[in-house]
């Protein structure tokens, strides 16, 4: 595996792979890698001739007062994990190169950012969209791999790909969970043992909602109300627990294939997000 920081070196490696007829698979990350990221890298390895992983803690998707400075960083461990997962190229750009002085462009993907994380964290998704767009233009992947845990992010990237004609196939990997059901997240390292015990109530509430759908429940409002009650009773502070269409992030009138329950909670000082599909997409 080779690690590069400079854009010209990245482009040289991509061009060399293209000249050999290789397809390029890309996994963008912010580092602090875990099995969720690695599962995407392995998907890319099985589907593509060249696998590129980026690690870039994107300052534009953090609001003032959020955890940009303390966001977990483990570059040496991340590099070893990437190499073990069969990654060919690890791209680690510097913020000063990625956003040079005078940078003044923004990308606003309307509609899909109006609820959920977009409502709670204004400015987050424009920052995400800008970083992903620049990474796509730098890596020029054939396939890009994202995890379903970040449901709204996936919806934003899918819409941006369609609207801006990026020649990229979006591949969505399933959420990877620990034994207690908690979705793997770089921010899980913030959780104390007691926080961790409380946090397990988040996936329990989501899967309980899916079980109600399997028993015939189709009313979004009823599912949301019960999920919020479950979370609050477990001792969690709830930012939202919303039934949404996973493609548009809008609230459906009725539970249909592709409908998800997405939630964000706070456990101590840690904020966690998760979701489950209530009915699988056709």
C-alpha atoms as a PDB file:
ATOM      1  CA  UNK A   1       0.000   0.000   0.000  1.00  0.00           C
ATOM      2  CA  UNK A   2       1.179   3.504  -0.808  1.00  0.00           C
ATOM      3  CA  UNK A   3       0.253   6.632   1.148  1.00  0.00           C
ATOM      4  CA  UNK A   4       0.117   9.998  -0.615  1.00  0.00           C
ATOM      5  CA  UNK A   5      -0.666  13.552   0.483  1.00  0.00           C
ATOM      6  CA  UNK A   6      -0.010  15.620  -2.613  1.00  0.00           C
ATOM      7  CA  UNK A   7      -2.669  15.948  -5.305  1.00  0.00           C
ATOM      8  CA  UNK A   8      -0.208  15.533  -8.186  1.00  0.00           C
ATOM      9  CA  UNK A   9       1.023  12.229  -6.769  1.00  0.00           C
ATOM     10  CA  UNK A  10      -2.550  11.013  -6.311  1.00  0.00           C
ATOM     11  CA  UNK A  11      -3.375  11.896  -9.912  1.00  0.00           C
ATOM     12  CA  UNK A  12      -0.237  10.164 -11.167  1.00  0.00           C
ATOM     13  CA  UNK A  13      -1.226   6.943  -9.387  1.00  0.00           C
ATOM     14  CA  UNK A  14      -4.828   7.136 -10.632  1.00  0.00           C
ATOM     15  CA  UNK A  15      -3.666   7.785 -14.205  1.00  0.00           C
ATOM     16  CA  UNK A  16      -1.288   4.818 -14.038  1.00  0.00           C
ATOM     17  CA  UNK A  17      -4.117   2.565 -12.851  1.00  0.00           C
ATOM     18  CA  UNK A  18      -6.380   3.811 -15.636  1.00  0.00           C
ATOM     19  CA  UNK A  19      -3.672   3.128 -18.188  1.00  0.00           C
ATOM     20  CA  UNK A  20      -3.645  -0.486 -16.986  1.00  0.00           C
ATOM     21  CA  UNK A  21      -7.410  -0.693 -17.460  1.00  0.00           C
ATOM     22  CA  UNK A  22      -8.199  -0.864 -13.733  1.00  0.00           C
ATOM     23  CA  UNK A  23     -11.493   0.319 -12.246  1.00  0.00           C
ATOM     24  CA  UNK A  24     -11.146   2.604  -9.238  1.00  0.00           C
ATOM     25  CA  UNK A  25     -13.042   2.020  -6.000  1.00  0.00           C
ATOM     26  CA  UNK A  26     -13.072   4.798  -3.414  1.00  0.00           C
ATOM     27  CA  UNK A  27     -13.906   4.869   0.303  1.00  0.00           C
ATOM     28  CA  UNK A  28     -13.879   8.401   1.797  1.00  0.00           C
ATOM     29  CA  UNK A  29     -13.400   8.496   5.584  1.00  0.00           C
ATOM     30  CA  UNK A  30     -12.447  10.843   8.400  1.00  0.00           C
ATOM     31  CA  UNK A  31     -10.146   8.253   9.940  1.00  0.00           C
ATOM     32  CA  UNK A  32     -10.347   6.580  13.365  1.00  0.00           C
ATOM     33  CA  UNK A  33     -11.161   3.531  11.273  1.00  0.00           C
ATOM     34  CA  UNK A  34     -13.242   0.607  12.494  1.00  0.00           C
ATOM     35  CA  UNK A  35     -14.803  -2.507  11.035  1.00  0.00           C
ATOM     36  CA  UNK A  36     -17.544  -0.467   9.355  1.00  0.00           C
ATOM     37  CA  UNK A  37     -14.970   1.371   7.253  1.00  0.00           C
ATOM     38  CA  UNK A  38     -12.993  -1.795   6.627  1.00  0.00           C
ATOM     39  CA  UNK A  39     -16.074  -3.651   5.403  1.00  0.00           C
ATOM     40  CA  UNK A  40     -16.456  -0.941   2.749  1.00  0.00           C
ATOM     41  CA  UNK A  41     -12.792  -1.244   1.806  1.00  0.00           C
ATOM     42  CA  UNK A  42     -13.202  -4.993   1.393  1.00  0.00           C
ATOM     43  CA  UNK A  43     -16.304  -4.444  -0.762  1.00  0.00           C
ATOM     44  CA  UNK A  44     -14.244  -2.119  -2.927  1.00  0.00           C
ATOM     45  CA  UNK A  45     -11.436  -4.686  -3.073  1.00  0.00           C
ATOM     46  CA  UNK A  46     -13.805  -7.355  -4.351  1.00  0.00           C
ATOM     47  CA  UNK A  47     -15.285  -5.075  -7.017  1.00  0.00           C
ATOM     48  CA  UNK A  48     -12.422  -2.905  -8.261  1.00  0.00           C
ATOM     49  CA  UNK A  49      -8.868  -3.152  -9.539  1.00  0.00           C
ATOM     50  CA  UNK A  50      -7.551  -0.183  -7.534  1.00  0.00           C
ATOM     51  CA  UNK A  51      -8.844   0.641  -4.049  1.00  0.00           C
ATOM     52  CA  UNK A  52      -8.372   4.166  -2.701  1.00  0.00           C
ATOM     53  CA  UNK A  53      -9.221   5.208   0.860  1.00  0.00           C
ATOM     54  CA  UNK A  54      -9.055   8.842   1.916  1.00  0.00           C
ATOM     55  CA  UNK A  55      -8.639  10.095   5.464  1.00  0.00           C
ATOM     56  CA  UNK A  56      -9.587  13.741   5.846  1.00  0.00           C
ATOM     57  CA  UNK A  57     -11.160  15.270   8.941  1.00  0.00           C
ATOM     58  CA  UNK A  58     -13.178  17.851   7.051  1.00  0.00           C
ATOM     59  CA  UNK A  59     -13.343  21.134   8.992  1.00  0.00           C
ATOM     60  CA  UNK A  60     -16.211  22.457   6.893  1.00  0.00           C
ATOM     61  CA  UNK A  61     -18.696  19.916   8.255  1.00  0.00           C
ATOM     62  CA  UNK A  62     -18.121  20.895  11.892  1.00  0.00           C
ATOM     63  CA  UNK A  63     -19.907  23.881  13.399  1.00  0.00           C
ATOM     64  CA  UNK A  64     -18.236  26.083  16.041  1.00  0.00           C
ATOM     65  CA  UNK A  65     -18.365  24.256  19.370  1.00  0.00           C
ATOM     66  CA  UNK A  66     -18.550  20.788  17.794  1.00  0.00           C
ATOM     67  CA  UNK A  67     -15.822  18.205  18.234  1.00  0.00           C
ATOM     68  CA  UNK A  68     -13.481  18.995  15.332  1.00  0.00           C
ATOM     69  CA  UNK A  69     -10.413  19.496  17.524  1.00  0.00           C
ATOM     70  CA  UNK A  70     -11.015  16.400  19.634  1.00  0.00           C
ATOM     71  CA  UNK A  71     -12.339  14.180  16.843  1.00  0.00           C
ATOM     72  CA  UNK A  72     -10.393  10.908  17.247  1.00  0.00           C
ATOM     73  CA  UNK A  73      -7.319  10.600  15.070  1.00  0.00           C
ATOM     74  CA  UNK A  74      -5.127   7.494  14.799  1.00  0.00           C
ATOM     75  CA  UNK A  75      -3.096   7.791  11.575  1.00  0.00           C
ATOM     76  CA  UNK A  76      -0.606   4.965  12.148  1.00  0.00           C
ATOM     77  CA  UNK A  77      -3.283   2.491  13.240  1.00  0.00           C
ATOM     78  CA  UNK A  78      -5.509   3.561  10.329  1.00  0.00           C
ATOM     79  CA  UNK A  79      -2.714   2.962   7.818  1.00  0.00           C
ATOM     80  CA  UNK A  80      -2.099  -0.526   9.189  1.00  0.00           C
ATOM     81  CA  UNK A  81      -5.806  -1.359   9.049  1.00  0.00           C
ATOM     82  CA  UNK A  82      -6.054  -0.141   5.454  1.00  0.00           C
ATOM     83  CA  UNK A  83      -3.098  -2.248   4.421  1.00  0.00           C
ATOM     84  CA  UNK A  84      -4.665  -5.296   6.089  1.00  0.00           C
ATOM     85  CA  UNK A  85      -7.917  -4.692   4.208  1.00  0.00           C
ATOM     86  CA  UNK A  86      -6.173  -4.725   0.830  1.00  0.00           C
ATOM     87  CA  UNK A  87      -6.198  -0.975   0.165  1.00  0.00           C
ATOM     88  CA  UNK A  88      -3.821   0.072  -2.614  1.00  0.00           C
ATOM     89  CA  UNK A  89      -3.662   3.810  -2.055  1.00  0.00           C
ATOM     90  CA  UNK A  90      -4.245   5.833   1.133  1.00  0.00           C
ATOM     91  CA  UNK A  91      -4.863   9.515   0.403  1.00  0.00           C
ATOM     92  CA  UNK A  92      -4.390  11.902   3.324  1.00  0.00           C
ATOM     93  CA  UNK A  93      -4.653  15.506   2.092  1.00  0.00           C
ATOM     94  CA  UNK A  94      -3.845  18.510   4.248  1.00  0.00           C
ATOM     95  CA  UNK A  95      -6.637  21.003   4.951  1.00  0.00           C
ATOM     96  CA  UNK A  96      -4.505  23.889   3.661  1.00  0.00           C
ATOM     97  CA  UNK A  97      -4.192  22.139   0.305  1.00  0.00           C
ATOM     98  CA  UNK A  98      -7.804  21.004   0.202  1.00  0.00           C
ATOM     99  CA  UNK A  99      -9.199  24.446   1.081  1.00  0.00           C
ATOM    100  CA  UNK A 100      -6.542  26.983   0.025  1.00  0.00           C
ATOM    101  CA  UNK A 101      -6.675  30.632   1.036  1.00  0.00           C
ATOM    102  CA  UNK A 102      -9.592  32.380  -0.606  1.00  0.00           C
ATOM    103  CA  UNK A 103     -11.655  29.232  -1.079  1.00  0.00           C
ATOM    104  CA  UNK A 104     -15.186  30.552  -1.677  1.00  0.00           C
ATOM    105  CA  UNK A 105     -17.295  27.790  -3.244  1.00  0.00           C
ATOM    106  CA  UNK A 106     -20.161  25.931  -1.598  1.00  0.00           C
ATOM    107  CA  UNK A 107     -22.561  23.157  -2.590  1.00  0.00           C
ATOM    108  CA  UNK A 108     -26.120  23.137  -1.273  1.00  0.00           C
ATOM    109  CA  UNK A 109     -28.085  19.960  -1.926  1.00  0.00           C
ATOM    110  CA  UNK A 110     -31.593  21.117  -1.157  1.00  0.00           C
ATOM    111  CA  UNK A 111     -34.515  19.010   0.002  1.00  0.00           C
ATOM    112  CA  UNK A 112     -32.683  16.041   1.497  1.00  0.00           C
ATOM    113  CA  UNK A 113     -30.926  18.262   4.068  1.00  0.00           C
ATOM    114  CA  UNK A 114     -34.028  19.875   5.526  1.00  0.00           C
ATOM    115  CA  UNK A 115     -34.696  17.459   8.399  1.00  0.00           C
ATOM    116  CA  UNK A 116     -32.681  15.196  10.652  1.00  0.00           C
ATOM    117  CA  UNK A 117     -29.006  16.115  10.861  1.00  0.00           C
ATOM    118  CA  UNK A 118     -29.545  19.011   8.482  1.00  0.00           C
ATOM    119  CA  UNK A 119     -32.013  20.638  10.876  1.00  0.00           C
ATOM    120  CA  UNK A 120     -29.969  19.986  14.013  1.00  0.00           C
ATOM    121  CA  UNK A 121     -26.579  20.834  12.444  1.00  0.00           C
ATOM    122  CA  UNK A 122     -27.030  23.684   9.924  1.00  0.00           C
ATOM    123  CA  UNK A 123     -24.073  23.879   7.588  1.00  0.00           C
ATOM    124  CA  UNK A 124     -23.068  20.253   8.136  1.00  0.00           C
ATOM    125  CA  UNK A 125     -24.240  18.829   4.828  1.00  0.00           C
ATOM    126  CA  UNK A 126     -22.988  21.688   2.634  1.00  0.00           C
ATOM    127  CA  UNK A 127     -19.596  20.931   4.190  1.00  0.00           C
ATOM    128  CA  UNK A 128     -19.993  17.212   3.531  1.00  0.00           C
ATOM    129  CA  UNK A 129     -21.085  17.806  -0.065  1.00  0.00           C
ATOM    130  CA  UNK A 130     -18.156  20.121  -0.738  1.00  0.00           C
ATOM    131  CA  UNK A 131     -15.590  17.637   0.576  1.00  0.00           C
ATOM    132  CA  UNK A 132     -17.114  14.653  -1.227  1.00  0.00           C
ATOM    133  CA  UNK A 133     -17.353  16.571  -4.503  1.00  0.00           C
ATOM    134  CA  UNK A 134     -13.707  17.627  -4.295  1.00  0.00           C
ATOM    135  CA  UNK A 135     -12.636  14.093  -3.421  1.00  0.00           C
ATOM    136  CA  UNK A 136     -14.606  12.713  -6.364  1.00  0.00           C
ATOM    137  CA  UNK A 137     -12.883  15.204  -8.686  1.00  0.00           C
ATOM    138  CA  UNK A 138      -9.479  14.274  -7.292  1.00  0.00           C
ATOM    139  CA  UNK A 139      -9.863  10.495  -7.164  1.00  0.00           C
ATOM    140  CA  UNK A 140     -12.203  10.127 -10.184  1.00  0.00           C
ATOM    141  CA  UNK A 141     -13.609   6.819  -8.914  1.00  0.00           C
ATOM    142  CA  UNK A 142     -15.795   4.426 -10.851  1.00  0.00           C
ATOM    143  CA  UNK A 143     -17.471   3.295  -7.621  1.00  0.00           C
ATOM    144  CA  UNK A 144     -17.759   5.081  -4.261  1.00  0.00           C
ATOM    145  CA  UNK A 145     -18.573   3.160  -1.101  1.00  0.00           C
ATOM    146  CA  UNK A 146     -20.567   4.670   1.779  1.00  0.00           C
ATOM    147  CA  UNK A 147     -22.155   3.123   4.865  1.00  0.00           C
ATOM    148  CA  UNK A 148     -25.910   3.043   5.463  1.00  0.00           C
ATOM    149  CA  UNK A 149     -25.379   4.161   9.068  1.00  0.00           C
ATOM    150  CA  UNK A 150     -25.020   7.710   7.702  1.00  0.00           C
ATOM    151  CA  UNK A 151     -28.408   7.498   6.005  1.00  0.00           C
ATOM    152  CA  UNK A 152     -28.884  11.190   5.289  1.00  0.00           C
ATOM    153  CA  UNK A 153     -25.320  11.581   4.078  1.00  0.00           C
ATOM    154  CA  UNK A 154     -25.963   8.778   1.591  1.00  0.00           C
ATOM    155  CA  UNK A 155     -29.104  10.587   0.397  1.00  0.00           C
ATOM    156  CA  UNK A 156     -27.154  13.836  -0.018  1.00  0.00           C
ATOM    157  CA  UNK A 157     -24.349  12.159  -1.975  1.00  0.00           C
ATOM    158  CA  UNK A 158     -26.807  10.236  -4.172  1.00  0.00           C
ATOM    159  CA  UNK A 159     -28.674  13.459  -5.030  1.00  0.00           C
ATOM    160  CA  UNK A 160     -25.433  15.338  -5.712  1.00  0.00           C
ATOM    161  CA  UNK A 161     -24.160  12.580  -8.000  1.00  0.00           C
ATOM    162  CA  UNK A 162     -27.389  12.727 -10.002  1.00  0.00           C
ATOM    163  CA  UNK A 163     -27.668  16.508 -10.123  1.00  0.00           C
ATOM    164  CA  UNK A 164     -24.024  17.205 -11.032  1.00  0.00           C
ATOM    165  CA  UNK A 165     -23.593  14.219 -13.390  1.00  0.00           C
ATOM    166  CA  UNK A 166     -20.694  12.671 -11.507  1.00  0.00           C
ATOM    167  CA  UNK A 167     -19.753   9.475 -13.386  1.00  0.00           C
ATOM    168  CA  UNK A 168     -19.676   7.550 -10.111  1.00  0.00           C
ATOM    169  CA  UNK A 169     -21.667   4.512  -8.998  1.00  0.00           C
ATOM    170  CA  UNK A 170     -22.744   4.822  -5.360  1.00  0.00           C
ATOM    171  CA  UNK A 171     -22.466   1.548  -3.415  1.00  0.00           C
ATOM    172  CA  UNK A 172     -24.101   1.472   0.029  1.00  0.00           C
ATOM    173  CA  UNK A 173     -22.770  -0.969   2.613  1.00  0.00           C
ATOM    174  CA  UNK A 174     -24.859  -2.227   5.508  1.00  0.00           C
ATOM    175  CA  UNK A 175     -24.353  -0.890   9.029  1.00  0.00           C
ATOM    176  CA  UNK A 176     -21.865  -2.908  11.061  1.00  0.00           C
ATOM    177  CA  UNK A 177     -22.793  -3.406  14.724  1.00  0.00           C
ATOM    178  CA  UNK A 178     -21.156  -4.585  17.917  1.00  0.00           C
ATOM    179  CA  UNK A 179     -22.546  -7.492  19.903  1.00  0.00           C
ATOM    180  CA  UNK A 180     -24.810  -5.160  21.905  1.00  0.00           C
ATOM    181  CA  UNK A 181     -26.303  -3.796  18.676  1.00  0.00           C
ATOM    182  CA  UNK A 182     -24.601  -0.419  18.819  1.00  0.00           C
ATOM    183  CA  UNK A 183     -23.575   0.770  15.359  1.00  0.00           C
ATOM    184  CA  UNK A 184     -19.829   1.112  14.983  1.00  0.00           C
ATOM    185  CA  UNK A 185     -18.770   4.747  15.055  1.00  0.00           C
ATOM    186  CA  UNK A 186     -15.528   6.605  15.547  1.00  0.00           C
ATOM    187  CA  UNK A 187     -17.258   8.563  18.304  1.00  0.00           C
ATOM    188  CA  UNK A 188     -17.982   5.428  20.351  1.00  0.00           C
ATOM    189  CA  UNK A 189     -14.538   5.876  21.920  1.00  0.00           C
ATOM    190  CA  UNK A 190     -15.998   8.820  23.845  1.00  0.00           C
ATOM    191  CA  UNK A 191     -18.426   6.555  25.720  1.00  0.00           C
ATOM    192  CA  UNK A 192     -17.718   5.559  29.309  1.00  0.00           C
ATOM    193  CA  UNK A 193     -18.764   2.024  30.339  1.00  0.00           C
ATOM    194  CA  UNK A 194     -22.011   3.411  31.788  1.00  0.00           C
ATOM    195  CA  UNK A 195     -22.618   5.558  28.696  1.00  0.00           C
ATOM    196  CA  UNK A 196     -22.073   2.484  26.570  1.00  0.00           C
ATOM    197  CA  UNK A 197     -24.700   0.566  28.530  1.00  0.00           C
ATOM    198  CA  UNK A 198     -27.198   3.400  28.048  1.00  0.00           C
ATOM    199  CA  UNK A 199     -26.324   3.828  24.354  1.00  0.00           C
ATOM    200  CA  UNK A 200     -27.388   0.255  23.589  1.00  0.00           C
ATOM    201  CA  UNK A 201     -30.976   1.455  24.036  1.00  0.00           C
ATOM    202  CA  UNK A 202     -30.691   3.287  20.703  1.00  0.00           C
ATOM    203  CA  UNK A 203     -30.508   0.207  18.464  1.00  0.00           C
ATOM    204  CA  UNK A 204     -33.009  -1.593  20.713  1.00  0.00           C
ATOM    205  CA  UNK A 205     -35.585   1.135  20.096  1.00  0.00           C
ATOM    206  CA  UNK A 206     -34.944   1.109  16.344  1.00  0.00           C
ATOM    207  CA  UNK A 207     -35.214  -2.645  16.000  1.00  0.00           C
ATOM    208  CA  UNK A 208     -38.311  -2.658  18.210  1.00  0.00           C
ATOM    209  CA  UNK A 209     -39.900  -0.252  15.717  1.00  0.00           C
ATOM    210  CA  UNK A 210     -38.990  -2.568  12.852  1.00  0.00           C
ATOM    211  CA  UNK A 211     -40.546  -5.472  14.740  1.00  0.00           C
ATOM    212  CA  UNK A 212     -43.777  -3.473  15.042  1.00  0.00           C
ATOM    213  CA  UNK A 213     -43.734  -2.928  11.274  1.00  0.00           C
ATOM    214  CA  UNK A 214     -43.221  -6.649  10.757  1.00  0.00           C
ATOM    215  CA  UNK A 215     -46.345  -7.197  12.866  1.00  0.00           C
ATOM    216  CA  UNK A 216     -48.330  -4.879  10.602  1.00  0.00           C
ATOM    217  CA  UNK A 217     -47.863  -1.309  11.925  1.00  0.00           C
ATOM    218  CA  UNK A 218     -47.837   1.208   9.069  1.00  0.00           C
ATOM    219  CA  UNK A 219     -48.406   4.573  10.794  1.00  0.00           C
ATOM    220  CA  UNK A 220     -45.239   6.743  10.907  1.00  0.00           C
ATOM    221  CA  UNK A 221     -46.522   8.900  13.750  1.00  0.00           C
ATOM    222  CA  UNK A 222     -47.190   5.952  16.013  1.00  0.00           C
ATOM    223  CA  UNK A 223     -43.737   4.513  15.359  1.00  0.00           C
ATOM    224  CA  UNK A 224     -42.036   7.834  16.053  1.00  0.00           C
ATOM    225  CA  UNK A 225     -43.940   8.396  19.284  1.00  0.00           C
ATOM    226  CA  UNK A 226     -43.159   4.944  20.636  1.00  0.00           C
ATOM    227  CA  UNK A 227     -39.495   5.142  19.634  1.00  0.00           C
ATOM    228  CA  UNK A 228     -39.061   8.496  21.382  1.00  0.00           C
ATOM    229  CA  UNK A 229     -40.741   7.127  24.500  1.00  0.00           C
ATOM    230  CA  UNK A 230     -38.447   4.099  24.479  1.00  0.00           C
ATOM    231  CA  UNK A 231     -35.366   6.275  24.154  1.00  0.00           C
ATOM    232  CA  UNK A 232     -36.366   8.774  26.838  1.00  0.00           C
ATOM    233  CA  UNK A 233     -37.342   6.021  29.265  1.00  0.00           C
ATOM    234  CA  UNK A 234     -33.908   4.483  28.734  1.00  0.00           C
ATOM    235  CA  UNK A 235     -32.309   7.731  29.888  1.00  0.00           C
ATOM    236  CA  UNK A 236     -31.249   9.153  26.529  1.00  0.00           C
ATOM    237  CA  UNK A 237     -31.651  12.741  25.366  1.00  0.00           C
ATOM    238  CA  UNK A 238     -33.375  12.632  21.972  1.00  0.00           C
ATOM    239  CA  UNK A 239     -32.572  15.108  19.191  1.00  0.00           C
ATOM    240  CA  UNK A 240     -34.957  13.375  16.793  1.00  0.00           C
ATOM    241  CA  UNK A 241     -36.515  10.026  15.946  1.00  0.00           C
ATOM    242  CA  UNK A 242     -38.029  10.386  12.485  1.00  0.00           C
ATOM    243  CA  UNK A 243     -39.602   8.043   9.988  1.00  0.00           C
ATOM    244  CA  UNK A 244     -38.252   9.016   6.567  1.00  0.00           C
ATOM    245  CA  UNK A 245     -38.037   7.863   2.992  1.00  0.00           C
ATOM    246  CA  UNK A 246     -34.389   6.829   2.759  1.00  0.00           C
ATOM    247  CA  UNK A 247     -33.959   8.428  -0.677  1.00  0.00           C
ATOM    248  CA  UNK A 248     -35.671  11.788  -0.131  1.00  0.00           C
ATOM    249  CA  UNK A 249     -35.460  12.047   3.693  1.00  0.00           C
ATOM    250  CA  UNK A 250     -39.063  13.204   3.700  1.00  0.00           C
ATOM    251  CA  UNK A 251     -41.713  11.803   6.016  1.00  0.00           C
ATOM    252  CA  UNK A 252     -43.966   9.328   4.184  1.00  0.00           C
ATOM    253  CA  UNK A 253     -47.701   9.076   4.748  1.00  0.00           C
ATOM    254  CA  UNK A 254     -47.366   5.348   5.220  1.00  0.00           C
ATOM    255  CA  UNK A 255     -44.576   2.849   5.766  1.00  0.00           C
ATOM    256  CA  UNK A 256     -43.419   1.657   2.343  1.00  0.00           C
ATOM    257  CA  UNK A 257     -40.342  -0.228   1.084  1.00  0.00           C
ATOM    258  CA  UNK A 258     -37.289   1.971   1.612  1.00  0.00           C
ATOM    259  CA  UNK A 259     -38.759   3.701   4.665  1.00  0.00           C
ATOM    260  CA  UNK A 260     -36.362   4.057   7.598  1.00  0.00           C
ATOM    261  CA  UNK A 261     -36.457   5.177  11.209  1.00  0.00           C
ATOM    262  CA  UNK A 262     -33.530   7.510  11.847  1.00  0.00           C
ATOM    263  CA  UNK A 263     -32.590   8.825  15.279  1.00  0.00           C
ATOM    264  CA  UNK A 264     -29.993  10.956  17.013  1.00  0.00           C
ATOM    265  CA  UNK A 265     -29.440  10.849  20.767  1.00  0.00           C
ATOM    266  CA  UNK A 266     -27.047  12.251  23.312  1.00  0.00           C
ATOM    267  CA  UNK A 267     -25.407  10.033  25.884  1.00  0.00           C
ATOM    268  CA  UNK A 268     -23.477  12.192  28.311  1.00  0.00           C
ATOM    269  CA  UNK A 269     -21.402  14.475  26.076  1.00  0.00           C
ATOM    270  CA  UNK A 270     -21.512  12.080  23.119  1.00  0.00           C
ATOM    271  CA  UNK A 271     -23.938  12.374  20.242  1.00  0.00           C
ATOM    272  CA  UNK A 272     -24.832   9.203  18.338  1.00  0.00           C
ATOM    273  CA  UNK A 273     -26.863   8.613  15.171  1.00  0.00           C
ATOM    274  CA  UNK A 274     -28.360   5.389  13.857  1.00  0.00           C
ATOM    275  CA  UNK A 275     -31.148   4.116  11.637  1.00  0.00           C
ATOM    276  CA  UNK A 276     -32.849   0.953  10.458  1.00  0.00           C
ATOM    277  CA  UNK A 277     -34.841   0.234   7.328  1.00  0.00           C
ATOM    278  CA  UNK A 278     -38.379  -0.544   8.438  1.00  0.00           C
ATOM    279  CA  UNK A 279     -39.218  -2.219   5.137  1.00  0.00           C
ATOM    280  CA  UNK A 280     -36.453  -3.336   2.804  1.00  0.00           C
ATOM    281  CA  UNK A 281     -36.139  -1.558  -0.525  1.00  0.00           C
ATOM    282  CA  UNK A 282     -37.512  -3.451  -3.515  1.00  0.00           C
END
